[in-house]
């Protein structure tokens, strides 16, 4: 063993970076963590691995749902309402001339 080691070019962290994964800090409710820890211990896996699997399953489920089964957003509702109300707006912008009970056009007063 050497008396001195040169760590001036050393870097912190793991020697090999893990591929395809990113380290993040996330705040989860205590009961969520407890659930995954208990379930992971029973199955002999890591709780973070189980959380990742649950998130992946949620992504796949949302991708497989047809558009009409997805939750309706405010933006989508506005688009539908604009589309449905467009014919009525056109009529309101160009009102037809008023007619009297005899069927003649009413004169402008």
PDB file of N, CA and C in Angstrom:
ATOM      1  N   UNK A   1       0.842  -1.180   0.000  1.00  0.00           N
ATOM      2  CA  UNK A   1       0.000   0.000   0.000  1.00  0.00           C
ATOM      3  C   UNK A   1       0.886   1.242   0.000  1.00  0.00           C
ATOM      4  N   UNK A   2       0.496   2.235  -0.778  1.00  0.00           N
ATOM      5  CA  UNK A   2       1.278   3.469  -0.868  1.00  0.00           C
ATOM      6  C   UNK A   2       1.090   4.329   0.375  1.00  0.00           C
ATOM      7  N   UNK A   3       2.054   5.181   0.599  1.00  0.00           N
ATOM      8  CA  UNK A   3       1.943   6.112   1.727  1.00  0.00           C
ATOM      9  C   UNK A   3       0.994   7.257   1.387  1.00  0.00           C
ATOM     10  N   UNK A   4       0.971   7.672   0.107  1.00  0.00           N
ATOM     11  CA  UNK A   4       0.096   8.761  -0.329  1.00  0.00           C
ATOM     12  C   UNK A   4      -0.584   8.393  -1.649  1.00  0.00           C
ATOM     13  N   UNK A   5      -1.807   8.863  -1.795  1.00  0.00           N
ATOM     14  CA  UNK A   5      -2.553   8.665  -3.027  1.00  0.00           C
ATOM     15  C   UNK A   5      -2.941  10.032  -3.565  1.00  0.00           C
ATOM     16  N   UNK A   6      -2.966  10.164  -4.885  1.00  0.00           N
ATOM     17  CA  UNK A   6      -3.309  11.437  -5.528  1.00  0.00           C
ATOM     18  C   UNK A   6      -4.775  11.384  -5.958  1.00  0.00           C
ATOM     19  N   UNK A   7      -5.620  12.115  -5.256  1.00  0.00           N
ATOM     20  CA  UNK A   7      -7.048  12.172  -5.588  1.00  0.00           C
ATOM     21  C   UNK A   7      -7.416  13.483  -6.277  1.00  0.00           C
ATOM     22  N   UNK A   8      -6.429  14.220  -6.772  1.00  0.00           N
ATOM     23  CA  UNK A   8      -6.705  15.512  -7.389  1.00  0.00           C
ATOM     24  C   UNK A   8      -7.547  15.391  -8.654  1.00  0.00           C
ATOM     25  N   UNK A   9      -7.492  14.254  -9.327  1.00  0.00           N
ATOM     26  CA  UNK A   9      -8.289  14.055 -10.551  1.00  0.00           C
ATOM     27  C   UNK A   9      -9.478  13.135 -10.298  1.00  0.00           C
ATOM     28  N   UNK A  10      -9.763  12.900  -9.050  1.00  0.00           N
ATOM     29  CA  UNK A  10     -10.874  12.021  -8.700  1.00  0.00           C
ATOM     30  C   UNK A  10     -12.222  12.693  -8.920  1.00  0.00           C
ATOM     31  N   UNK A  11     -13.233  11.886  -9.151  1.00  0.00           N
ATOM     32  CA  UNK A  11     -14.593  12.387  -9.342  1.00  0.00           C
ATOM     33  C   UNK A  11     -15.508  11.714  -8.344  1.00  0.00           C
ATOM     34  N   UNK A  12     -16.518  12.447  -7.889  1.00  0.00           N
ATOM     35  CA  UNK A  12     -17.485  11.897  -6.958  1.00  0.00           C
ATOM     36  C   UNK A  12     -18.493  11.035  -7.698  1.00  0.00           C
ATOM     37  N   UNK A  13     -19.099  10.148  -6.968  1.00  0.00           N
ATOM     38  CA  UNK A  13     -20.162   9.341  -7.531  1.00  0.00           C
ATOM     39  C   UNK A  13     -19.677   7.978  -7.962  1.00  0.00           C
ATOM     40  N   UNK A  14     -20.559   7.211  -8.589  1.00  0.00           N
ATOM     41  CA  UNK A  14     -20.179   5.859  -9.004  1.00  0.00           C
ATOM     42  C   UNK A  14     -19.135   5.888 -10.120  1.00  0.00           C
ATOM     43  N   UNK A  15     -18.351   4.854 -10.169  1.00  0.00           N
ATOM     44  CA  UNK A  15     -17.319   4.758 -11.200  1.00  0.00           C
ATOM     45  C   UNK A  15     -17.967   4.636 -12.574  1.00  0.00           C
ATOM     46  N   UNK A  16     -18.992   3.818 -12.670  1.00  0.00           N
ATOM     47  CA  UNK A  16     -19.715   3.645 -13.925  1.00  0.00           C
ATOM     48  C   UNK A  16     -21.129   4.202 -13.766  1.00  0.00           C
ATOM     49  N   UNK A  17     -21.493   5.087 -14.649  1.00  0.00           N
ATOM     50  CA  UNK A  17     -22.846   5.648 -14.596  1.00  0.00           C
ATOM     51  C   UNK A  17     -23.841   4.595 -15.066  1.00  0.00           C
ATOM     52  N   UNK A  18     -24.994   4.520 -14.408  1.00  0.00           N
ATOM     53  CA  UNK A  18     -26.013   3.570 -14.844  1.00  0.00           C
ATOM     54  C   UNK A  18     -26.695   4.128 -16.091  1.00  0.00           C
ATOM     55  N   UNK A  19     -26.918   3.260 -17.052  1.00  0.00           N
ATOM     56  CA  UNK A  19     -27.520   3.705 -18.312  1.00  0.00           C
ATOM     57  C   UNK A  19     -29.039   3.588 -18.236  1.00  0.00           C
ATOM     58  N   UNK A  20     -29.694   4.567 -18.801  1.00  0.00           N
ATOM     59  CA  UNK A  20     -31.151   4.536 -18.889  1.00  0.00           C
ATOM     60  C   UNK A  20     -31.882   4.921 -17.621  1.00  0.00           C
ATOM     61  N   UNK A  21     -31.167   5.347 -16.608  1.00  0.00           N
ATOM     62  CA  UNK A  21     -31.815   5.743 -15.359  1.00  0.00           C
ATOM     63  C   UNK A  21     -31.271   7.094 -14.929  1.00  0.00           C
ATOM     64  N   UNK A  22     -32.117   7.871 -14.267  1.00  0.00           N
ATOM     65  CA  UNK A  22     -31.735   9.188 -13.771  1.00  0.00           C
ATOM     66  C   UNK A  22     -32.064   9.260 -12.290  1.00  0.00           C
ATOM     67  N   UNK A  23     -31.118   9.729 -11.516  1.00  0.00           N
ATOM     68  CA  UNK A  23     -31.341   9.885 -10.069  1.00  0.00           C
ATOM     69  C   UNK A  23     -32.101  11.184  -9.839  1.00  0.00           C
ATOM     70  N   UNK A  24     -33.223  11.097  -9.111  1.00  0.00           N
ATOM     71  CA  UNK A  24     -34.019  12.275  -8.782  1.00  0.00           C
ATOM     72  C   UNK A  24     -34.390  12.233  -7.303  1.00  0.00           C
ATOM     73  N   UNK A  25     -34.834  13.352  -6.801  1.00  0.00           N
ATOM     74  CA  UNK A  25     -35.408  13.419  -5.464  1.00  0.00           C
ATOM     75  C   UNK A  25     -36.890  13.702  -5.640  1.00  0.00           C
ATOM     76  N   UNK A  26     -37.711  12.901  -5.002  1.00  0.00           N
ATOM     77  CA  UNK A  26     -39.160  13.048  -5.155  1.00  0.00           C
ATOM     78  C   UNK A  26     -39.810  12.918  -3.778  1.00  0.00           C
ATOM     79  N   UNK A  27     -40.826  13.707  -3.537  1.00  0.00           N
ATOM     80  CA  UNK A  27     -41.550  13.662  -2.270  1.00  0.00           C
ATOM     81  C   UNK A  27     -42.806  12.811  -2.471  1.00  0.00           C
ATOM     82  N   UNK A  28     -42.898  11.719  -1.730  1.00  0.00           N
ATOM     83  CA  UNK A  28     -44.064  10.845  -1.781  1.00  0.00           C
ATOM     84  C   UNK A  28     -44.694  10.793  -0.402  1.00  0.00           C
ATOM     85  N   UNK A  29     -45.982  10.523  -0.359  1.00  0.00           N
ATOM     86  CA  UNK A  29     -46.683  10.400   0.919  1.00  0.00           C
ATOM     87  C   UNK A  29     -46.144   9.195   1.678  1.00  0.00           C
ATOM     88  N   UNK A  30     -46.155   9.303   3.003  1.00  0.00           N
ATOM     89  CA  UNK A  30     -45.625   8.232   3.849  1.00  0.00           C
ATOM     90  C   UNK A  30     -46.331   6.907   3.606  1.00  0.00           C
ATOM     91  N   UNK A  31     -47.664   6.954   3.451  1.00  0.00           N
ATOM     92  CA  UNK A  31     -48.399   5.709   3.259  1.00  0.00           C
ATOM     93  C   UNK A  31     -48.054   5.041   1.929  1.00  0.00           C
ATOM     94  N   UNK A  32     -47.712   5.827   0.920  1.00  0.00           N
ATOM     95  CA  UNK A  32     -47.314   5.260  -0.370  1.00  0.00           C
ATOM     96  C   UNK A  32     -45.984   4.520  -0.213  1.00  0.00           C
ATOM     97  N   UNK A  33     -45.035   5.156   0.456  1.00  0.00           N
ATOM     98  CA  UNK A  33     -43.732   4.525   0.688  1.00  0.00           C
ATOM     99  C   UNK A  33     -43.896   3.257   1.520  1.00  0.00           C
ATOM    100  N   UNK A  34     -44.699   3.326   2.577  1.00  0.00           N
ATOM    101  CA  UNK A  34     -44.914   2.154   3.429  1.00  0.00           C
ATOM    102  C   UNK A  34     -45.517   1.003   2.636  1.00  0.00           C
ATOM    103  N   UNK A  35     -46.472   1.312   1.776  1.00  0.00           N
ATOM    104  CA  UNK A  35     -47.108   0.277   0.961  1.00  0.00           C
ATOM    105  C   UNK A  35     -46.081  -0.419   0.082  1.00  0.00           C
ATOM    106  N   UNK A  36     -45.281   0.362  -0.644  1.00  0.00           N
ATOM    107  CA  UNK A  36     -44.310  -0.232  -1.548  1.00  0.00           C
ATOM    108  C   UNK A  36     -43.188  -0.955  -0.802  1.00  0.00           C
ATOM    109  N   UNK A  37     -42.772  -0.439   0.328  1.00  0.00           N
ATOM    110  CA  UNK A  37     -41.727  -1.118   1.111  1.00  0.00           C
ATOM    111  C   UNK A  37     -42.227  -2.473   1.611  1.00  0.00           C
ATOM    112  N   UNK A  38     -43.448  -2.505   2.136  1.00  0.00           N
ATOM    113  CA  UNK A  38     -44.008  -3.766   2.638  1.00  0.00           C
ATOM    114  C   UNK A  38     -44.179  -4.769   1.504  1.00  0.00           C
ATOM    115  N   UNK A  39     -44.684  -4.305   0.399  1.00  0.00           N
ATOM    116  CA  UNK A  39     -44.896  -5.190  -0.747  1.00  0.00           C
ATOM    117  C   UNK A  39     -43.567  -5.690  -1.307  1.00  0.00           C
ATOM    118  N   UNK A  40     -42.580  -4.804  -1.366  1.00  0.00           N
ATOM    119  CA  UNK A  40     -41.262  -5.185  -1.889  1.00  0.00           C
ATOM    120  C   UNK A  40     -40.594  -6.193  -0.967  1.00  0.00           C
ATOM    121  N   UNK A  41     -40.717  -5.999   0.341  1.00  0.00           N
ATOM    122  CA  UNK A  41     -40.115  -6.934   1.293  1.00  0.00           C
ATOM    123  C   UNK A  41     -40.747  -8.314   1.165  1.00  0.00           C
ATOM    124  N   UNK A  42     -42.062  -8.351   0.974  1.00  0.00           N
ATOM    125  CA  UNK A  42     -42.761  -9.625   0.829  1.00  0.00           C
ATOM    126  C   UNK A  42     -42.324 -10.362  -0.439  1.00  0.00           C
ATOM    127  N   UNK A  43     -42.011  -9.612  -1.492  1.00  0.00           N
ATOM    128  CA  UNK A  43     -41.620 -10.222  -2.763  1.00  0.00           C
ATOM    129  C   UNK A  43     -40.105 -10.340  -2.928  1.00  0.00           C
ATOM    130  N   UNK A  44     -39.360  -9.734  -2.007  1.00  0.00           N
ATOM    131  CA  UNK A  44     -37.909  -9.833  -2.080  1.00  0.00           C
ATOM    132  C   UNK A  44     -37.281  -8.959  -3.155  1.00  0.00           C
ATOM    133  N   UNK A  45     -37.905  -7.823  -3.449  1.00  0.00           N
ATOM    134  CA  UNK A  45     -37.345  -6.878  -4.425  1.00  0.00           C
ATOM    135  C   UNK A  45     -37.209  -5.511  -3.758  1.00  0.00           C
ATOM    136  N   UNK A  46     -36.664  -4.564  -4.491  1.00  0.00           N
ATOM    137  CA  UNK A  46     -36.518  -3.212  -3.970  1.00  0.00           C
ATOM    138  C   UNK A  46     -37.789  -2.399  -4.151  1.00  0.00           C
ATOM    139  N   UNK A  47     -38.073  -1.538  -3.184  1.00  0.00           N
ATOM    140  CA  UNK A  47     -39.306  -0.742  -3.274  1.00  0.00           C
ATOM    141  C   UNK A  47     -39.223   0.293  -4.394  1.00  0.00           C
ATOM    142  N   UNK A  48     -38.024   0.818  -4.673  1.00  0.00           N
ATOM    143  CA  UNK A  48     -37.890   1.779  -5.768  1.00  0.00           C
ATOM    144  C   UNK A  48     -38.141   1.101  -7.110  1.00  0.00           C
ATOM    145  N   UNK A  49     -37.719  -0.141  -7.217  1.00  0.00           N
ATOM    146  CA  UNK A  49     -37.980  -0.911  -8.439  1.00  0.00           C
ATOM    147  C   UNK A  49     -39.476  -1.114  -8.616  1.00  0.00           C
ATOM    148  N   UNK A  50     -40.173  -1.358  -7.514  1.00  0.00           N
ATOM    149  CA  UNK A  50     -41.624  -1.553  -7.601  1.00  0.00           C
ATOM    150  C   UNK A  50     -42.338  -0.253  -7.961  1.00  0.00           C
ATOM    151  N   UNK A  51     -41.886   0.860  -7.409  1.00  0.00           N
ATOM    152  CA  UNK A  51     -42.485   2.156  -7.757  1.00  0.00           C
ATOM    153  C   UNK A  51     -42.270   2.427  -9.241  1.00  0.00           C
ATOM    154  N   UNK A  52     -41.066   2.146  -9.741  1.00  0.00           N
ATOM    155  CA  UNK A  52     -40.772   2.338 -11.166  1.00  0.00           C
ATOM    156  C   UNK A  52     -41.693   1.464 -12.024  1.00  0.00           C
ATOM    157  N   UNK A  53     -41.894   0.212 -11.605  1.00  0.00           N
ATOM    158  CA  UNK A  53     -42.774  -0.692 -12.355  1.00  0.00           C
ATOM    159  C   UNK A  53     -44.215  -0.185 -12.348  1.00  0.00           C
ATOM    160  N   UNK A  54     -44.671   0.354 -11.201  1.00  0.00           N
ATOM    161  CA  UNK A  54     -46.039   0.888 -11.120  1.00  0.00           C
ATOM    162  C   UNK A  54     -46.203   2.098 -12.030  1.00  0.00           C
ATOM    163  N   UNK A  55     -45.196   2.965 -12.063  1.00  0.00           N
ATOM    164  CA  UNK A  55     -45.264   4.133 -12.950  1.00  0.00           C
ATOM    165  C   UNK A  55     -45.248   3.704 -14.412  1.00  0.00           C
ATOM    166  N   UNK A  56     -44.424   2.724 -14.730  1.00  0.00           N
ATOM    167  CA  UNK A  56     -44.367   2.221 -16.109  1.00  0.00           C
ATOM    168  C   UNK A  56     -45.707   1.609 -16.524  1.00  0.00           C
ATOM    169  N   UNK A  57     -46.336   0.859 -15.612  1.00  0.00           N
ATOM    170  CA  UNK A  57     -47.643   0.263 -15.907  1.00  0.00           C
ATOM    171  C   UNK A  57     -48.698   1.348 -16.134  1.00  0.00           C
ATOM    172  N   UNK A  58     -48.633   2.433 -15.366  1.00  0.00           N
ATOM    173  CA  UNK A  58     -49.582   3.540 -15.549  1.00  0.00           C
ATOM    174  C   UNK A  58     -49.389   4.195 -16.914  1.00  0.00           C
ATOM    175  N   UNK A  59     -48.139   4.332 -17.333  1.00  0.00           N
ATOM    176  CA  UNK A  59     -47.860   4.911 -18.660  1.00  0.00           C
ATOM    177  C   UNK A  59     -48.428   4.025 -19.749  1.00  0.00           C
ATOM    178  N   UNK A  60     -48.177   2.731 -19.654  1.00  0.00           N
ATOM    179  CA  UNK A  60     -48.656   1.805 -20.684  1.00  0.00           C
ATOM    180  C   UNK A  60     -50.182   1.760 -20.718  1.00  0.00           C
ATOM    181  N   UNK A  61     -50.811   1.810 -19.560  1.00  0.00           N
ATOM    182  CA  UNK A  61     -52.275   1.798 -19.508  1.00  0.00           C
ATOM    183  C   UNK A  61     -52.846   3.033 -20.196  1.00  0.00           C
ATOM    184  N   UNK A  62     -52.242   4.196 -19.949  1.00  0.00           N
ATOM    185  CA  UNK A  62     -52.765   5.417 -20.560  1.00  0.00           C
ATOM    186  C   UNK A  62     -52.510   5.433 -22.061  1.00  0.00           C
ATOM    187  N   UNK A  63     -51.436   4.815 -22.513  1.00  0.00           N
ATOM    188  CA  UNK A  63     -51.161   4.754 -23.959  1.00  0.00           C
ATOM    189  C   UNK A  63     -52.133   3.837 -24.675  1.00  0.00           C
ATOM    190  N   UNK A  64     -52.571   2.782 -24.008  1.00  0.00           N
ATOM    191  CA  UNK A  64     -53.436   1.801 -24.647  1.00  0.00           C
ATOM    192  C   UNK A  64     -54.904   2.216 -24.670  1.00  0.00           C
ATOM    193  N   UNK A  65     -55.276   3.181 -23.842  1.00  0.00           N
ATOM    194  CA  UNK A  65     -56.675   3.615 -23.794  1.00  0.00           C
ATOM    195  C   UNK A  65     -57.040   4.374 -25.061  1.00  0.00           C
ATOM    196  N   UNK A  66     -58.207   4.087 -25.599  1.00  0.00           N
ATOM    197  CA  UNK A  66     -58.681   4.902 -26.723  1.00  0.00           C
ATOM    198  C   UNK A  66     -58.926   6.334 -26.259  1.00  0.00           C
ATOM    199  N   UNK A  67     -58.887   7.258 -27.178  1.00  0.00           N
ATOM    200  CA  UNK A  67     -59.036   8.680 -26.844  1.00  0.00           C
ATOM    201  C   UNK A  67     -60.355   8.972 -26.135  1.00  0.00           C
ATOM    202  N   UNK A  68     -61.425   8.246 -26.471  1.00  0.00           N
ATOM    203  CA  UNK A  68     -62.714   8.544 -25.844  1.00  0.00           C
ATOM    204  C   UNK A  68     -62.798   8.032 -24.400  1.00  0.00           C
ATOM    205  N   UNK A  69     -61.836   7.232 -23.947  1.00  0.00           N
ATOM    206  CA  UNK A  69     -61.837   6.756 -22.568  1.00  0.00           C
ATOM    207  C   UNK A  69     -60.878   7.543 -21.683  1.00  0.00           C
ATOM    208  N   UNK A  70     -60.121   8.453 -22.264  1.00  0.00           N
ATOM    209  CA  UNK A  70     -59.198   9.264 -21.475  1.00  0.00           C
ATOM    210  C   UNK A  70     -59.970  10.365 -20.767  1.00  0.00           C
ATOM    211  N   UNK A  71     -59.441  10.883 -19.669  1.00  0.00           N
ATOM    212  CA  UNK A  71     -60.134  11.961 -18.949  1.00  0.00           C
ATOM    213  C   UNK A  71     -60.297  13.196 -19.830  1.00  0.00           C
ATOM    214  N   UNK A  72     -61.425  13.859 -19.692  1.00  0.00           N
ATOM    215  CA  UNK A  72     -61.711  15.056 -20.464  1.00  0.00           C
ATOM    216  C   UNK A  72     -61.019  16.242 -19.815  1.00  0.00           C
ATOM    217  N   UNK A  73     -60.207  16.933 -20.582  1.00  0.00           N
ATOM    218  CA  UNK A  73     -59.509  18.102 -20.046  1.00  0.00           C
ATOM    219  C   UNK A  73     -60.308  19.356 -20.356  1.00  0.00           C
ATOM    220  N   UNK A  74     -59.979  20.427 -19.682  1.00  0.00           N
ATOM    221  CA  UNK A  74     -60.654  21.706 -19.898  1.00  0.00           C
ATOM    222  C   UNK A  74     -60.435  22.169 -21.334  1.00  0.00           C
ATOM    223  N   UNK A  75     -59.222  22.016 -21.829  1.00  0.00           N
ATOM    224  CA  UNK A  75     -58.915  22.429 -23.198  1.00  0.00           C
ATOM    225  C   UNK A  75     -59.721  21.652 -24.226  1.00  0.00           C
ATOM    226  N   UNK A  76     -59.836  20.344 -24.024  1.00  0.00           N
ATOM    227  CA  UNK A  76     -60.610  19.519 -24.954  1.00  0.00           C
ATOM    228  C   UNK A  76     -62.087  19.894 -24.906  1.00  0.00           C
ATOM    229  N   UNK A  77     -62.606  20.173 -23.719  1.00  0.00           N
ATOM    230  CA  UNK A  77     -64.011  20.583 -23.580  1.00  0.00           C
ATOM    231  C   UNK A  77     -64.259  21.905 -24.300  1.00  0.00           C
ATOM    232  N   UNK A  78     -63.334  22.846 -24.157  1.00  0.00           N
ATOM    233  CA  UNK A  78     -63.484  24.127 -24.859  1.00  0.00           C
ATOM    234  C   UNK A  78     -63.504  23.936 -26.361  1.00  0.00           C
ATOM    235  N   UNK A  79     -62.607  23.078 -26.867  1.00  0.00           N
ATOM    236  CA  UNK A  79     -62.580  22.823 -28.313  1.00  0.00           C
ATOM    237  C   UNK A  79     -63.901  22.250 -28.801  1.00  0.00           C
ATOM    238  N   UNK A  80     -64.465  21.300 -28.055  1.00  0.00           N
ATOM    239  CA  UNK A  80     -65.737  20.681 -28.446  1.00  0.00           C
ATOM    240  C   UNK A  80     -66.857  21.720 -28.422  1.00  0.00           C
ATOM    241  N   UNK A  81     -66.889  22.542 -27.373  1.00  0.00           N
ATOM    242  CA  UNK A  81     -67.944  23.556 -27.282  1.00  0.00           C
ATOM    243  C   UNK A  81     -67.842  24.574 -28.418  1.00  0.00           C
ATOM    244  N   UNK A  82     -66.621  25.008 -28.728  1.00  0.00           N
ATOM    245  CA  UNK A  82     -66.448  25.949 -29.853  1.00  0.00           C
ATOM    246  C   UNK A  82     -66.942  25.344 -31.157  1.00  0.00           C
ATOM    247  N   UNK A  83     -66.597  24.079 -31.362  1.00  0.00           N
ATOM    248  CA  UNK A  83     -66.991  23.398 -32.584  1.00  0.00           C
ATOM    249  C   UNK A  83     -68.512  23.266 -32.684  1.00  0.00           C
ATOM    250  N   UNK A  84     -69.140  22.903 -31.577  1.00  0.00           N
ATOM    251  CA  UNK A  84     -70.584  22.702 -31.578  1.00  0.00           C
ATOM    252  C   UNK A  84     -71.357  24.022 -31.649  1.00  0.00           C
ATOM    253  N   UNK A  85     -70.810  25.079 -31.062  1.00  0.00           N
ATOM    254  CA  UNK A  85     -71.523  26.351 -31.033  1.00  0.00           C
ATOM    255  C   UNK A  85     -71.230  27.236 -32.242  1.00  0.00           C
ATOM    256  N   UNK A  86     -70.303  26.848 -33.084  1.00  0.00           N
ATOM    257  CA  UNK A  86     -69.932  27.662 -34.249  1.00  0.00           C
ATOM    258  C   UNK A  86     -71.125  27.986 -35.151  1.00  0.00           C
ATOM    259  N   UNK A  87     -71.997  27.030 -35.483  1.00  0.00           N
ATOM    260  CA  UNK A  87     -73.148  27.380 -36.337  1.00  0.00           C
ATOM    261  C   UNK A  87     -74.070  28.414 -35.695  1.00  0.00           C
ATOM    262  N   UNK A  88     -74.222  28.380 -34.402  1.00  0.00           N
ATOM    263  CA  UNK A  88     -75.108  29.325 -33.714  1.00  0.00           C
ATOM    264  C   UNK A  88     -74.479  30.716 -33.672  1.00  0.00           C
ATOM    265  N   UNK A  89     -73.174  30.783 -33.560  1.00  0.00           N
ATOM    266  CA  UNK A  89     -72.496  32.079 -33.577  1.00  0.00           C
ATOM    267  C   UNK A  89     -72.628  32.736 -34.943  1.00  0.00           C
ATOM    268  N   UNK A  90     -72.552  31.931 -35.984  1.00  0.00           N
ATOM    269  CA  UNK A  90     -72.690  32.479 -37.335  1.00  0.00           C
ATOM    270  C   UNK A  90     -74.087  33.066 -37.525  1.00  0.00           C
ATOM    271  N   UNK A  91     -75.109  32.402 -36.995  1.00  0.00           N
ATOM    272  CA  UNK A  91     -76.478  32.908 -37.101  1.00  0.00           C
ATOM    273  C   UNK A  91     -76.644  34.187 -36.296  1.00  0.00           C
ATOM    274  N   UNK A  92     -76.026  34.264 -35.132  1.00  0.00           N
ATOM    275  CA  UNK A  92     -76.145  35.443 -34.289  1.00  0.00           C
ATOM    276  C   UNK A  92     -75.434  36.636 -34.927  1.00  0.00           C
ATOM    277  N   UNK A  93     -74.346  36.387 -35.651  1.00  0.00           N
ATOM    278  CA  UNK A  93     -73.599  37.467 -36.303  1.00  0.00           C
ATOM    279  C   UNK A  93     -74.364  38.011 -37.503  1.00  0.00           C
ATOM    280  N   UNK A  94     -75.129  37.173 -38.184  1.00  0.00           N
ATOM    281  CA  UNK A  94     -75.915  37.582 -39.360  1.00  0.00           C
ATOM    282  C   UNK A  94     -77.386  37.249 -39.116  1.00  0.00           C
ATOM    283  N   UNK A  95     -78.064  38.027 -38.280  1.00  0.00           N
ATOM    284  CA  UNK A  95     -79.465  37.701 -37.994  1.00  0.00           C
ATOM    285  C   UNK A  95     -80.331  37.896 -39.237  1.00  0.00           C
ATOM    286  N   UNK A  96     -81.310  37.024 -39.374  1.00  0.00           N
ATOM    287  CA  UNK A  96     -82.231  37.165 -40.502  1.00  0.00           C
ATOM    288  C   UNK A  96     -83.153  38.347 -40.227  1.00  0.00           C
ATOM    289  N   UNK A  97     -83.654  39.010 -41.290  1.00  0.00           N
ATOM    290  CA  UNK A  97     -84.517  40.182 -41.092  1.00  0.00           C
ATOM    291  C   UNK A  97     -85.801  39.783 -40.358  1.00  0.00           C
ATOM    292  N   UNK A  98     -86.262  40.661 -39.497  1.00  0.00           N
ATOM    293  CA  UNK A  98     -87.483  40.416 -38.727  1.00  0.00           C
ATOM    294  C   UNK A  98     -88.692  40.524 -39.650  1.00  0.00           C
ATOM    295  N   UNK A  99     -89.659  39.706 -39.393  1.00  0.00           N
ATOM    296  CA  UNK A  99     -90.886  39.731 -40.199  1.00  0.00           C
ATOM    297  C   UNK A  99     -92.079  39.953 -39.266  1.00  0.00           C
ATOM    298  N   UNK A 100     -93.068  40.561 -39.809  1.00  0.00           N
ATOM    299  CA  UNK A 100     -94.299  40.811 -39.032  1.00  0.00           C
ATOM    300  C   UNK A 100     -95.169  39.569 -39.097  1.00  0.00           C
ATOM    301  N   UNK A 101     -96.288  39.606 -38.388  1.00  0.00           N
ATOM    302  CA  UNK A 101     -97.198  38.463 -38.380  1.00  0.00           C
ATOM    303  C   UNK A 101     -97.765  38.184 -39.756  1.00  0.00           C
ATOM    304  N   UNK A 102     -97.840  39.181 -40.603  1.00  0.00           N
ATOM    305  CA  UNK A 102     -98.377  38.957 -41.955  1.00  0.00           C
ATOM    306  C   UNK A 102     -97.313  38.408 -42.899  1.00  0.00           C
ATOM    307  N   UNK A 103     -96.066  38.301 -42.431  1.00  0.00           N
ATOM    308  CA  UNK A 103     -95.015  37.734 -43.261  1.00  0.00           C
ATOM    309  C   UNK A 103     -94.182  38.783 -43.968  1.00  0.00           C
ATOM    310  N   UNK A 104     -94.559  40.079 -43.810  1.00  0.00           N
ATOM    311  CA  UNK A 104     -93.769  41.131 -44.446  1.00  0.00           C
ATOM    312  C   UNK A 104     -92.609  41.510 -43.555  1.00  0.00           C
ATOM    313  N   UNK A 105     -91.547  42.052 -44.195  1.00  0.00           N
ATOM    314  CA  UNK A 105     -90.388  42.512 -43.413  1.00  0.00           C
ATOM    315  C   UNK A 105     -90.778  43.726 -42.592  1.00  0.00           C
ATOM    316  N   UNK A 106     -90.297  43.735 -41.352  1.00  0.00           N
ATOM    317  CA  UNK A 106     -90.584  44.870 -40.480  1.00  0.00           C
ATOM    318  C   UNK A 106     -89.697  46.024 -40.884  1.00  0.00           C
ATOM    319  N   UNK A 107     -90.230  47.219 -40.838  1.00  0.00           N
ATOM    320  CA  UNK A 107     -89.422  48.396 -41.210  1.00  0.00           C
ATOM    321  C   UNK A 107     -88.583  48.812 -40.029  1.00  0.00           C
ATOM    322  N   UNK A 108     -87.392  49.317 -40.327  1.00  0.00           N
ATOM    323  CA  UNK A 108     -86.479  49.783 -39.263  1.00  0.00           C
ATOM    324  C   UNK A 108     -87.008  51.080 -38.708  1.00  0.00           C
ATOM    325  N   UNK A 109     -87.081  51.217 -37.410  1.00  0.00           N
ATOM    326  CA  UNK A 109     -87.656  52.414 -36.810  1.00  0.00           C
ATOM    327  C   UNK A 109     -86.595  53.411 -36.466  1.00  0.00           C
TER     328      UNK A 109
END
